[in-house]
N, C-alpha and C. Protein backbone atom coordinates (compact mmCIF):
# COMPACT_ATOMS: atom_id res chain seq x y z
N UNK A 1 39.62 19.40 8.19
CA UNK A 1 38.90 18.37 7.68
C UNK A 1 37.78 18.29 8.70
N UNK A 2 37.79 18.51 10.00
CA UNK A 2 36.30 18.43 11.05
C UNK A 2 35.41 19.70 10.23
N UNK A 3 35.95 20.77 9.87
CA UNK A 3 35.25 21.94 9.29
C UNK A 3 34.42 21.10 8.16
N UNK A 4 35.11 20.73 7.22
CA UNK A 4 34.43 20.16 5.93
C UNK A 4 33.31 19.11 6.45
N UNK A 5 33.46 18.28 7.63
CA UNK A 5 32.72 17.18 7.88
C UNK A 5 31.34 17.83 8.45
N UNK A 6 31.55 18.96 9.30
CA UNK A 6 30.22 19.53 9.62
C UNK A 6 29.64 20.12 8.35
N UNK A 7 30.25 20.68 7.70
CA UNK A 7 29.49 21.37 6.60
C UNK A 7 28.45 20.43 5.57
N UNK A 8 29.40 19.38 5.63
CA UNK A 8 28.69 17.98 4.71
C UNK A 8 27.41 17.62 5.41
N UNK A 9 27.54 17.08 6.85
CA UNK A 9 26.34 16.96 7.83
C UNK A 9 25.39 18.05 7.56
N UNK A 10 25.52 19.34 7.69
CA UNK A 10 24.55 19.96 7.59
C UNK A 10 24.04 20.33 6.32
N UNK A 11 24.73 20.06 5.24
CA UNK A 11 23.87 20.05 3.98
C UNK A 11 23.19 18.90 3.91
N UNK A 12 23.57 17.66 4.42
CA UNK A 12 22.63 16.31 4.34
C UNK A 12 21.42 16.52 5.34
N UNK A 13 21.57 17.19 6.24
CA UNK A 13 20.07 17.41 7.07
C UNK A 13 19.33 18.45 6.38
N UNK A 14 20.12 19.44 5.74
CA UNK A 14 19.27 20.19 4.86
C UNK A 14 18.30 19.82 3.95
N UNK A 15 19.12 18.79 3.28
CA UNK A 15 18.50 18.17 2.01
C UNK A 15 17.48 17.30 2.52
N UNK A 16 17.72 16.63 3.57
CA UNK A 16 16.64 15.75 4.14
C UNK A 16 15.24 16.58 4.59
N UNK A 17 15.56 17.66 5.21
CA UNK A 17 14.31 18.19 5.64
C UNK A 17 13.73 19.04 4.64
N UNK A 18 14.34 19.33 3.49
CA UNK A 18 13.53 20.27 2.44
C UNK A 18 13.09 19.14 1.39
N UNK A 19 13.47 17.85 1.53
CA UNK A 19 13.04 16.75 0.74
C UNK A 19 11.80 16.00 1.18
N UNK A 20 11.53 16.34 2.62
CA UNK A 20 10.38 15.65 3.26
C UNK A 20 9.04 16.21 2.53
N UNK A 21 8.24 15.75 2.43
CA UNK A 21 6.94 16.30 1.86
C UNK A 21 5.69 16.03 2.90
N UNK A 22 4.72 16.86 3.11
CA UNK A 22 3.53 16.70 3.88
C UNK A 22 2.50 16.43 2.84
N UNK A 23 1.91 15.29 3.32
CA UNK A 23 0.49 14.91 2.62
C UNK A 23 -0.56 15.19 3.70
N UNK A 24 -1.83 15.90 2.77
CA UNK A 24 -2.88 15.98 3.60
C UNK A 24 -3.84 14.62 3.56
N UNK A 25 -4.51 14.23 4.41
CA UNK A 25 -5.02 12.54 4.33
C UNK A 25 -6.20 12.90 3.20
N UNK A 26 -6.17 11.95 2.40
CA UNK A 26 -7.49 11.95 1.38
C UNK A 26 -7.29 13.04 0.24
N UNK A 27 -6.27 13.78 0.43
CA UNK A 27 -6.18 15.18 -0.48
C UNK A 27 -6.68 16.18 0.17
N UNK A 28 -7.61 16.56 0.95
CA UNK A 28 -8.23 17.53 1.46
C UNK A 28 -7.49 17.57 2.85
N UNK A 29 -7.13 16.80 3.69
CA UNK A 29 -6.82 16.84 5.21
C UNK A 29 -7.88 16.29 5.92
N UNK A 30 -9.19 16.30 5.54
CA UNK A 30 -10.50 16.09 6.35
C UNK A 30 -10.38 14.71 6.73
N UNK A 31 -10.63 14.34 8.00
CA UNK A 31 -10.45 12.91 8.32
C UNK A 31 -11.95 12.78 8.99
N UNK A 32 -12.59 11.96 7.94
CA UNK A 32 -13.99 11.74 8.20
C UNK A 32 -14.44 10.52 7.55
N UNK A 33 -15.67 10.15 7.47
CA UNK A 33 -16.00 8.89 6.78
C UNK A 33 -16.40 9.46 5.41
N UNK A 34 -15.77 8.68 4.54
CA UNK A 34 -15.81 9.15 2.98
C UNK A 34 -17.30 9.23 2.42
N UNK A 35 -17.60 10.12 1.75
CA UNK A 35 -18.84 10.43 1.21
C UNK A 35 -19.12 9.40 -0.06
N UNK A 36 -20.31 9.03 -0.25
CA UNK A 36 -21.02 8.14 -0.98
C UNK A 36 -20.41 8.29 -2.57
N UNK A 37 -19.42 7.57 -3.05
CA UNK A 37 -19.05 7.65 -4.50
C UNK A 37 -17.47 8.27 -4.35
N UNK A 38 -17.26 8.79 -3.15
CA UNK A 38 -15.87 9.27 -3.29
C UNK A 38 -14.79 8.17 -3.22
N UNK A 39 -13.66 8.58 -3.35
CA UNK A 39 -12.57 7.51 -3.48
C UNK A 39 -12.20 7.05 -1.78
N UNK A 40 -11.82 5.96 -1.58
CA UNK A 40 -11.41 5.91 -0.30
C UNK A 40 -10.15 6.16 0.13
N UNK A 41 -9.83 6.24 1.48
CA UNK A 41 -8.30 6.80 1.60
C UNK A 41 -7.35 5.88 1.19
N UNK A 42 -7.55 4.80 1.22
CA UNK A 42 -6.58 3.63 0.68
C UNK A 42 -6.47 3.90 -0.97
N UNK A 43 -7.39 4.16 -1.73
CA UNK A 43 -7.20 4.52 -3.18
C UNK A 43 -6.28 5.68 -3.09
N UNK A 44 -6.68 6.62 -2.42
CA UNK A 44 -5.67 8.01 -2.29
C UNK A 44 -4.52 7.69 -2.03
N UNK A 45 -4.22 6.75 -0.92
CA UNK A 45 -2.68 6.27 -0.63
C UNK A 45 -2.17 5.49 -1.69
N UNK A 46 -2.77 4.72 -2.15
CA UNK A 46 -2.10 3.89 -3.41
C UNK A 46 -1.60 4.96 -4.45
N UNK A 47 -2.01 6.12 -4.91
CA UNK A 47 -2.02 6.87 -5.99
C UNK A 47 -0.80 7.98 -5.39
N UNK A 48 -0.15 7.75 -4.30
CA UNK A 48 0.59 8.63 -3.64
C UNK A 48 1.99 7.78 -3.49
N UNK A 49 3.42 8.45 -3.31
CA UNK A 49 4.51 7.60 -3.05
C UNK A 49 5.13 8.05 -1.70
N UNK A 50 5.01 7.47 -0.38
CA UNK A 50 5.52 8.05 0.93
C UNK A 50 6.78 7.55 1.11
N UNK A 51 7.57 8.29 1.57
CA UNK A 51 9.09 7.81 2.13
C UNK A 51 9.28 8.36 3.45
N UNK A 52 10.39 7.75 4.01
CA UNK A 52 10.75 8.20 5.41
C UNK A 52 10.93 9.77 5.33
N UNK A 53 10.40 10.24 6.71
CA UNK A 53 10.64 11.72 7.31
C UNK A 53 9.59 12.49 6.42
N UNK A 54 8.61 11.74 5.39
CA UNK A 54 7.31 12.67 4.99
C UNK A 54 6.52 12.71 6.30
N UNK A 55 5.18 13.39 6.01
CA UNK A 55 4.38 13.35 7.33
C UNK A 55 2.68 13.39 6.50
N UNK A 56 2.07 13.33 7.49
CA UNK A 56 0.63 13.44 6.83
C UNK A 56 -0.39 14.01 7.92
N UNK A 57 -1.15 14.98 7.55
CA UNK A 57 -2.06 15.79 8.39
C UNK A 57 -3.33 15.37 8.29
N UNK A 58 -4.00 15.34 9.61
CA UNK A 58 -5.28 15.03 9.74
C UNK A 58 -6.10 15.98 10.28
N UNK A 59 -7.17 16.33 9.91
CA UNK A 59 -8.10 17.58 10.37
C UNK A 59 -9.34 17.06 10.69
N UNK A 60 -9.78 17.06 12.05
CA UNK A 60 -11.13 16.63 12.40
C UNK A 60 -11.45 17.32 13.77
N UNK A 61 -12.81 17.34 13.91
CA UNK A 61 -13.44 17.84 15.19
C UNK A 61 -12.93 17.14 16.48
N UNK A 62 -12.06 17.75 17.12
CA UNK A 62 -11.69 17.05 18.33
C UNK A 62 -12.35 16.37 19.34
N UNK A 63 -13.51 16.88 19.64
CA UNK A 63 -14.59 16.66 20.42
C UNK A 63 -15.43 15.40 19.81
N UNK A 64 -15.25 15.16 18.62
CA UNK A 64 -16.24 14.09 17.92
C UNK A 64 -15.26 13.06 17.35
N UNK A 65 -14.02 13.18 17.02
CA UNK A 65 -13.26 12.05 16.40
C UNK A 65 -11.99 11.98 17.04
N UNK A 66 -11.10 11.08 16.42
CA UNK A 66 -9.75 10.96 16.64
C UNK A 66 -9.06 9.91 15.70
N UNK A 67 -7.72 9.93 15.85
CA UNK A 67 -7.16 9.15 14.77
C UNK A 67 -6.11 8.18 15.83
N UNK A 68 -6.14 7.04 15.36
CA UNK A 68 -5.54 5.68 16.13
C UNK A 68 -4.75 5.12 15.31
N UNK A 69 -3.38 5.02 15.77
CA UNK A 69 -2.41 4.10 15.29
C UNK A 69 -2.57 2.83 15.74
N UNK A 70 -2.70 1.46 14.57
CA UNK A 70 -2.96 0.50 15.38
C UNK A 70 -2.17 -0.47 14.69
N UNK A 71 -2.14 -1.90 14.94
CA UNK A 71 -1.67 -3.02 13.90
C UNK A 71 -2.71 -3.32 13.07
N UNK A 72 -2.17 -4.32 12.21
CA UNK A 72 -2.85 -4.90 11.23
C UNK A 72 -4.21 -5.72 11.74
N UNK A 73 -4.11 -6.47 12.69
CA UNK A 73 -5.69 -7.06 13.28
C UNK A 73 -6.35 -5.78 13.78
N UNK A 74 -5.93 -4.74 14.47
CA UNK A 74 -6.92 -4.13 14.94
C UNK A 74 -7.50 -3.27 13.56
N UNK A 75 -6.53 -2.93 12.56
CA UNK A 75 -7.23 -2.18 11.34
C UNK A 75 -8.47 -3.24 10.78
N UNK A 76 -7.81 -4.36 10.82
CA UNK A 76 -9.00 -5.19 10.02
C UNK A 76 -10.30 -5.42 10.64
N UNK A 77 -10.20 -5.42 12.05
CA UNK A 77 -11.41 -5.35 12.99
C UNK A 77 -12.05 -4.22 13.42
N UNK A 78 -11.31 -3.05 13.12
CA UNK A 78 -11.73 -1.86 13.79
C UNK A 78 -11.74 -1.81 15.32
N UNK A 79 -10.81 -2.44 15.72
CA UNK A 79 -10.68 -2.67 17.20
C UNK A 79 -9.95 -1.40 17.94
N UNK A 80 -10.70 -0.76 18.62
CA UNK A 80 -10.29 0.83 19.03
C UNK A 80 -9.95 0.80 20.57
N UNK A 81 -9.66 -0.44 20.85
CA UNK A 81 -9.55 -0.72 22.55
C UNK A 81 -8.21 -0.45 22.67
N UNK A 82 -7.13 -0.99 22.23
CA UNK A 82 -5.71 -0.65 22.59
C UNK A 82 -4.82 -0.40 21.37
N UNK A 83 -5.13 0.87 20.91
CA UNK A 83 -3.98 1.30 19.77
C UNK A 83 -2.69 1.60 20.32
N UNK A 84 -1.81 1.56 19.09
CA UNK A 84 -0.40 1.74 19.57
C UNK A 84 -0.03 3.34 19.89
N UNK A 85 -0.91 4.10 19.26
CA UNK A 85 -0.93 5.49 19.61
C UNK A 85 -2.41 6.02 19.46
N UNK A 86 -2.69 7.37 20.10
CA UNK A 86 -4.04 8.06 20.04
C UNK A 86 -3.69 9.36 19.89
N UNK A 87 -4.31 10.03 18.86
CA UNK A 87 -4.25 11.28 18.61
C UNK A 87 -5.50 12.15 18.55
N UNK A 88 -5.79 12.99 19.47
CA UNK A 88 -7.20 13.75 19.66
C UNK A 88 -7.11 15.17 19.60
N UNK A 89 -6.08 15.89 19.07
CA UNK A 89 -5.89 17.27 19.03
C UNK A 89 -6.79 17.97 18.09
N UNK A 90 -7.33 17.21 17.09
CA UNK A 90 -8.05 17.67 16.01
C UNK A 90 -7.17 18.19 14.59
N UNK A 91 -5.93 18.40 14.97
CA UNK A 91 -5.04 18.70 13.99
C UNK A 91 -3.77 18.19 14.02
N UNK A 92 -3.87 16.76 13.79
CA UNK A 92 -2.65 15.72 14.08
C UNK A 92 -1.65 15.90 12.53
N UNK A 93 -0.73 15.80 13.07
CA UNK A 93 0.49 15.76 12.11
C UNK A 93 1.54 14.48 12.18
N UNK A 94 1.45 13.52 11.44
CA UNK A 94 2.18 12.51 11.85
C UNK A 94 3.36 12.09 10.89
N UNK A 95 4.40 12.12 11.56
CA UNK A 95 5.64 11.83 10.49
C UNK A 95 5.99 10.29 10.42
N UNK A 96 6.47 10.05 9.21
CA UNK A 96 6.97 8.67 9.22
C UNK A 96 8.36 8.60 9.52
N UNK A 97 8.91 7.91 10.76
CA UNK A 97 10.11 7.77 11.05
C UNK A 97 10.89 6.71 10.83
N UNK A 98 10.08 5.46 10.09
CA UNK A 98 10.66 4.14 9.42
C UNK A 98 10.01 3.91 8.22
N UNK A 99 10.48 2.70 7.61
CA UNK A 99 9.81 2.29 6.32
C UNK A 99 8.84 1.41 6.82
N UNK A 100 7.94 0.89 5.56
CA UNK A 100 6.98 0.09 5.99
C UNK A 100 5.48 0.25 6.26
N UNK A 101 4.62 -0.43 6.91
CA UNK A 101 3.14 -0.13 6.78
C UNK A 101 2.87 0.70 8.19
N UNK A 102 1.75 1.64 7.74
CA UNK A 102 1.20 2.30 9.07
C UNK A 102 -0.37 2.03 8.79
N UNK A 103 -0.92 1.56 10.16
CA UNK A 103 -2.38 1.67 9.88
C UNK A 103 -3.05 2.58 10.85
N UNK A 104 -3.77 3.37 10.30
CA UNK A 104 -4.46 4.25 10.89
C UNK A 104 -6.13 4.13 10.98
N UNK A 105 -6.85 4.12 11.77
CA UNK A 105 -8.13 4.13 11.87
C UNK A 105 -9.13 5.18 12.93
N UNK A 106 -10.33 5.39 12.53
CA UNK A 106 -11.05 6.47 13.48
C UNK A 106 -11.08 5.86 14.91
N UNK A 107 -11.06 6.95 15.98
CA UNK A 107 -11.22 6.48 17.26
C UNK A 107 -12.81 6.23 17.58
N UNK A 108 -13.80 6.47 16.54
CA UNK A 108 -14.79 6.07 16.48
C UNK A 108 -15.50 4.71 15.65
N UNK A 109 -15.54 3.59 16.36
CA UNK A 109 -15.68 2.50 15.79
C UNK A 109 -16.49 2.45 14.56
N UNK A 110 -17.84 3.01 14.65
CA UNK A 110 -18.75 2.73 13.71
C UNK A 110 -18.05 3.64 12.24
N UNK A 111 -17.68 4.89 12.61
CA UNK A 111 -16.67 5.52 11.49
C UNK A 111 -15.56 4.56 10.71
N UNK A 112 -15.01 3.94 11.65
CA UNK A 112 -13.92 2.89 11.13
C UNK A 112 -14.61 2.13 10.16
N UNK A 113 -15.82 1.29 10.66
CA UNK A 113 -16.22 0.24 9.95
C UNK A 113 -17.09 0.84 8.54
N UNK A 114 -17.58 2.42 8.59
CA UNK A 114 -17.69 2.81 7.37
C UNK A 114 -17.00 3.59 6.41
N UNK A 115 -15.37 3.17 6.61
CA UNK A 115 -14.61 3.53 5.85
C UNK A 115 -13.64 4.53 6.19
N UNK A 116 -13.48 5.02 7.46
CA UNK A 116 -12.66 5.96 8.06
C UNK A 116 -11.35 5.24 8.60
N UNK A 117 -10.78 4.69 7.67
CA UNK A 117 -9.38 4.09 7.98
C UNK A 117 -8.34 4.12 6.88
N UNK A 118 -7.39 3.97 7.15
CA UNK A 118 -6.15 4.23 6.10
C UNK A 118 -4.96 3.36 6.40
N UNK A 119 -4.63 2.72 5.39
CA UNK A 119 -3.28 1.96 5.20
C UNK A 119 -2.49 2.52 4.46
N UNK A 120 -1.00 2.88 4.86
CA UNK A 120 -0.10 3.53 4.13
C UNK A 120 1.25 2.75 4.17
N UNK A 121 1.86 2.54 2.96
CA UNK A 121 3.10 1.88 2.92
C UNK A 121 4.43 3.00 2.93
N UNK A 122 5.22 2.93 3.58
CA UNK A 122 6.17 3.94 3.40
C UNK A 122 7.59 3.21 2.93
N UNK A 123 8.28 3.74 1.89
CA UNK A 123 9.55 3.55 1.43
C UNK A 123 10.73 3.88 2.09
N UNK A 124 11.85 2.91 2.16
CA UNK A 124 12.85 3.37 2.85
C UNK A 124 13.74 4.26 1.87
N UNK A 125 14.74 5.45 2.75
CA UNK A 125 15.30 6.33 1.69
C UNK A 125 16.56 5.51 1.23
N UNK A 126 16.85 5.64 0.21
CA UNK A 126 18.19 4.98 -0.34
C UNK A 126 19.39 5.24 0.15
N UNK A 127 19.66 6.57 0.51
CA UNK A 127 20.94 7.05 1.40
C UNK A 127 20.65 6.71 2.90
N UNK A 128 19.74 5.95 3.30
CA UNK A 128 19.34 5.60 4.95
C UNK A 128 20.06 4.40 5.09
N UNK A 129 21.07 4.34 6.07
CA UNK A 129 21.59 3.02 6.58
C UNK A 129 20.82 1.74 6.97
N UNK A 130 19.41 2.29 7.41
CA UNK A 130 18.54 1.06 7.72
C UNK A 130 17.99 0.57 6.74
N UNK A 131 18.03 0.99 5.63
CA UNK A 131 17.47 0.25 4.13
C UNK A 131 18.58 -0.50 3.82
N UNK A 132 19.87 -0.79 4.26
CA UNK A 132 20.66 -1.58 3.72
C UNK A 132 20.34 -3.00 4.34
N UNK A 133 20.68 -3.80 3.70
CA UNK A 133 20.42 -5.16 3.67
C UNK A 133 21.60 -5.64 4.63
N UNK A 134 21.50 -6.40 5.77
CA UNK A 134 22.58 -7.00 6.82
C UNK A 134 23.51 -7.69 6.13
N UNK A 135 24.83 -7.73 6.13
CA UNK A 135 25.85 -8.34 5.65
C UNK A 135 25.88 -9.76 5.95
N UNK A 136 25.84 -10.64 5.02
CA UNK A 136 26.01 -12.23 5.36
C UNK A 136 26.90 -12.48 6.43
N UNK A 137 26.45 -13.59 7.34
CA UNK A 137 27.38 -13.96 8.08
C UNK A 137 28.76 -14.57 7.56
N UNK A 138 29.84 -14.42 8.26
CA UNK A 138 31.15 -15.13 7.72
C UNK A 138 30.83 -16.76 7.87
N UNK A 139 31.29 -17.29 6.70
CA UNK A 139 31.57 -18.59 6.92
C UNK A 139 32.63 -19.32 7.67
N UNK A 140 32.67 -20.09 8.31
CA UNK A 140 33.89 -20.52 8.92
C UNK A 140 35.00 -20.90 8.15
N UNK A 141 36.19 -20.68 8.53
CA UNK A 141 37.56 -20.81 7.52
C UNK A 141 37.24 -22.45 7.25
N UNK A 142 37.96 -22.71 6.09
CA UNK A 142 38.02 -23.88 5.34
C UNK A 142 39.65 -23.96 5.66
N UNK A 143 39.71 -25.55 6.34
CA UNK A 143 40.99 -25.84 6.39
C UNK A 143 41.60 -26.04 5.22
N UNK A 144 42.80 -25.93 4.68
CA UNK A 144 43.50 -26.34 3.58
C UNK A 144 43.93 -27.53 3.71
N UNK A 145 43.96 -28.52 2.71
CA UNK A 145 44.48 -29.84 2.97
C UNK A 145 45.86 -29.82 2.93
N UNK A 146 46.18 -30.95 3.55
CA UNK A 146 47.64 -31.15 3.88
C UNK A 146 48.43 -31.15 2.65
N UNK A 147 49.35 -30.51 2.52
CA UNK A 147 50.30 -30.72 1.38
C UNK A 147 50.73 -32.11 1.12
N UNK A 148 50.50 -32.46 -0.19
CA UNK A 148 50.99 -34.01 -0.35
C UNK A 148 52.62 -33.96 -0.46
N UNK A 149 53.29 -34.96 0.09
CA UNK A 149 54.64 -35.29 0.01
C UNK A 149 55.02 -35.48 -1.51
N UNK A 150 56.24 -34.91 -1.82
CA UNK A 150 56.69 -34.95 -3.35
C UNK A 150 56.96 -36.44 -3.49
N UNK A 151 56.80 -36.88 -4.80
CA UNK A 151 56.91 -38.19 -4.97
C UNK A 151 58.41 -38.68 -5.19
N UNK A 152 58.93 -39.57 -4.53
CA UNK A 152 60.32 -39.97 -4.64
C UNK A 152 61.06 -40.22 -5.90
N UNK A 153 62.22 -39.52 -5.73
CA UNK A 153 62.81 -39.28 -7.21
C UNK A 153 63.52 -40.67 -7.31
N UNK A 154 63.72 -41.16 -8.75
CA UNK A 154 64.63 -42.29 -8.98
C UNK A 154 65.87 -41.58 -8.70
N UNK A 155 66.95 -42.47 -7.98
CA UNK A 155 68.23 -42.11 -8.04
C UNK A 155 68.88 -42.07 -9.34
N UNK A 156 69.74 -40.88 -9.38
CA UNK A 156 70.39 -40.53 -10.67
C UNK A 156 71.48 -41.47 -11.01
N UNK A 157 71.84 -41.35 -12.13
CA UNK A 157 73.17 -42.08 -12.39
C UNK A 157 74.23 -41.92 -11.75
N UNK A 158 74.49 -40.67 -11.14
CA UNK A 158 75.41 -39.98 -10.45
C UNK A 158 75.49 -40.72 -8.91
N UNK A 159 74.20 -41.00 -8.26
CA UNK A 159 73.84 -41.54 -7.24
C UNK A 159 73.85 -43.09 -7.05
N UNK A 160 74.01 -43.51 -8.36
CA UNK A 160 74.00 -45.11 -8.19
C UNK A 160 75.30 -45.71 -7.45
N UNK A 161 74.94 -46.55 -6.54
CA UNK A 161 76.19 -47.36 -6.10
C UNK A 161 77.27 -47.71 -6.81
N UNK A 162 78.57 -47.56 -6.46
CA UNK A 162 79.87 -48.00 -7.28
C UNK A 162 79.77 -49.65 -7.50
N UNK A 163 80.13 -50.22 -8.44
CA UNK A 163 80.19 -51.54 -8.69
C UNK A 163 81.17 -52.24 -7.56
N UNK A 164 80.75 -53.41 -7.54
CA UNK A 164 81.61 -54.21 -6.35
C UNK A 164 83.23 -54.11 -6.86
N UNK A 165 84.03 -54.15 -5.81
CA UNK A 165 85.44 -54.18 -6.25
C UNK A 165 85.76 -55.22 -6.88
N UNK A 166 86.92 -55.02 -7.36
CA UNK A 166 87.40 -56.21 -8.22
C UNK A 166 88.06 -57.30 -7.21
N UNK A 167 87.42 -58.41 -7.43
CA UNK A 167 88.28 -59.57 -6.30
C UNK A 167 89.24 -60.38 -7.09
N UNK A 168 89.85 -59.77 -8.18
CA UNK A 168 91.25 -60.20 -8.47
C UNK A 168 90.81 -61.62 -9.25
N UNK A 169 91.67 -61.77 -10.52
CA UNK A 169 91.54 -62.62 -11.56
C UNK A 169 91.70 -64.03 -10.61
N UNK A 170 91.10 -64.97 -11.35
CA UNK A 170 91.34 -66.44 -10.47
C UNK A 170 92.41 -67.21 -11.21
N UNK A 171 93.56 -67.33 -10.30
CA UNK A 171 94.92 -68.05 -11.14
C UNK A 171 94.85 -69.58 -10.57
N UNK A 172 95.45 -70.36 -11.60
CA UNK A 172 95.20 -71.81 -11.30
C UNK A 172 96.08 -72.21 -9.97
N UNK A 173 95.74 -73.22 -9.31
CA UNK A 173 96.22 -73.51 -8.04
C UNK A 173 97.71 -73.81 -7.99
N UNK A 174 98.65 -73.14 -7.51
CA UNK A 174 100.08 -73.46 -7.32
C UNK A 174 100.53 -74.76 -6.92
N UNK A 175 99.59 -75.56 -6.24
CA UNK A 175 99.67 -76.92 -6.13
C UNK A 175 99.50 -77.68 -7.10
N UNK A 176 99.49 -77.30 -8.25
CA UNK A 176 99.26 -78.28 -9.56
C UNK A 176 100.63 -78.06 -10.14
N UNK A 177 101.30 -78.94 -10.31
CA UNK A 177 102.84 -79.02 -10.98
C UNK A 177 102.82 -78.59 -12.17
N UNK A 178 103.51 -77.96 -12.89
CA UNK A 178 103.65 -77.86 -14.33
C UNK A 178 103.82 -79.07 -15.01
N UNK A 179 103.33 -79.16 -16.10
CA UNK A 179 103.81 -80.42 -17.08
C UNK A 179 105.26 -80.63 -17.24
N UNK A 180 105.69 -81.67 -17.38
CA UNK A 180 107.41 -81.88 -17.56
C UNK A 180 107.46 -81.50 -19.17
N UNK A 181 108.75 -80.97 -19.27
CA UNK A 181 109.36 -80.33 -20.48
C UNK A 181 109.61 -81.78 -21.48
N UNK A 182 108.71 -81.84 -22.54
CA UNK A 182 108.92 -83.03 -23.52
C UNK A 182 110.43 -83.33 -23.89
N UNK A 183 111.22 -82.12 -23.87
CA UNK A 183 112.46 -82.20 -24.49
C UNK A 183 113.37 -82.91 -23.56
N UNK A 184 113.16 -83.12 -22.26
CA UNK A 184 114.18 -83.49 -21.42
C UNK A 184 114.20 -85.27 -21.38
N UNK A 185 112.98 -85.66 -21.63
CA UNK A 185 113.02 -87.33 -22.01
C UNK A 185 113.96 -87.92 -23.13
N UNK A 186 114.36 -87.40 -23.95
CA UNK A 186 115.17 -87.89 -24.96
C UNK A 186 116.71 -87.59 -24.55
N UNK A 187 116.95 -86.58 -23.70
CA UNK A 187 118.10 -86.53 -23.33
C UNK A 187 118.40 -87.50 -22.09
N UNK A 188 117.66 -87.56 -21.10
CA UNK A 188 117.76 -88.67 -19.94
C UNK A 188 118.00 -89.96 -20.67
N UNK A 189 117.14 -90.64 -21.82
CA UNK A 189 117.31 -91.88 -22.37
C UNK A 189 118.81 -91.89 -23.07
N UNK A 190 119.22 -90.66 -23.53
CA UNK A 190 120.53 -90.86 -24.18
C UNK A 190 121.59 -90.95 -23.12
N UNK A 191 121.36 -90.36 -22.29
CA UNK A 191 122.50 -90.63 -21.17
C UNK A 191 122.55 -92.12 -20.21
N UNK A 192 121.60 -92.35 -20.38
CA UNK A 192 121.20 -94.09 -19.89
C UNK A 192 121.97 -94.89 -20.86
N UNK A 193 121.78 -94.69 -21.87
CA UNK A 193 122.37 -95.40 -23.26
C UNK A 193 123.90 -95.38 -23.26
N UNK A 194 124.48 -93.92 -22.90
CA UNK A 194 125.75 -93.89 -22.76
C UNK A 194 126.48 -94.65 -21.65
N UNK A 195 125.88 -94.31 -20.37
CA UNK A 195 126.35 -94.89 -19.09
C UNK A 195 126.55 -96.37 -19.40
N UNK A 196 125.33 -97.17 -19.93
CA UNK A 196 125.42 -98.60 -20.31
C UNK A 196 126.75 -99.24 -20.94
N UNK A 197 126.86 -98.21 -21.97
CA UNK A 197 127.80 -98.63 -23.06
C UNK A 197 129.31 -98.33 -22.48
N UNK A 198 129.67 -97.84 -21.48
CA UNK A 198 131.03 -97.41 -20.94
C UNK A 198 131.04 -98.44 -19.74
N UNK A 199 130.17 -99.15 -19.27
CA UNK A 199 130.15 -99.74 -18.31
C UNK A 199 131.33 -100.91 -18.52
N UNK A 200 131.39 -101.78 -19.81
CA UNK A 200 132.41 -102.52 -20.01
C UNK A 200 133.82 -102.24 -19.83
N UNK A 201 134.17 -101.18 -20.60
CA UNK A 201 135.22 -100.43 -20.60
C UNK A 201 135.91 -100.35 -19.06
N UNK A 202 134.85 -99.78 -18.18
CA UNK A 202 135.38 -99.38 -16.92
C UNK A 202 135.79 -100.79 -16.10
N UNK A 203 135.18 -101.81 -16.51
CA UNK A 203 135.60 -103.29 -16.06
C UNK A 203 136.91 -103.65 -16.66
N UNK A 204 137.36 -103.11 -17.82
CA UNK A 204 138.60 -103.81 -18.24
C UNK A 204 139.79 -103.10 -17.55
N UNK A 205 139.52 -101.73 -17.22
CA UNK A 205 140.43 -100.96 -16.95
C UNK A 205 140.65 -101.22 -15.43
N UNK A 206 139.54 -101.68 -14.59
CA UNK A 206 139.76 -102.00 -13.05
C UNK A 206 140.58 -103.27 -13.30
């Protein structure tokens, strides 16, 4: 596993090195005031495609000129007083280690004002991690709304309360006497009559 990883890294580095391109400034490599009617350095740069790890070569007389790496303001005003970097060896090779804009001017202010200046835009490599956009920040977790209580279910027939217990049939009060038997009245009357009829006989016998 480790051996395979080392081989892969070596291959990537080899491809990166072999893929890098060296450009000669202006096409010829001469760093000087452009001749009348010649293309400006920026016109030359716009016709080329620069990417990270490419480099550019400047050739110039070391005792007469130099190459300054500056910011945009110094580039526009040809300010040679405080460059980001200064090269005076007469044979400068500058490597683009990042993507973005690079501004070069001559160390001779008059030469800069006469067109010895260069603006290059370097593209990011697609397989370079620095070219990746940063991941978006995580949004705070959203609390879930509280679960709603389930609706109360209607009581089923089996759970209905039992009907009230039977309180018994209402019976007529026992204090009310039953009506007299209608047949007993003639019997009583008959016995009274017979008793009255036997009274004289009883008196005779006595």
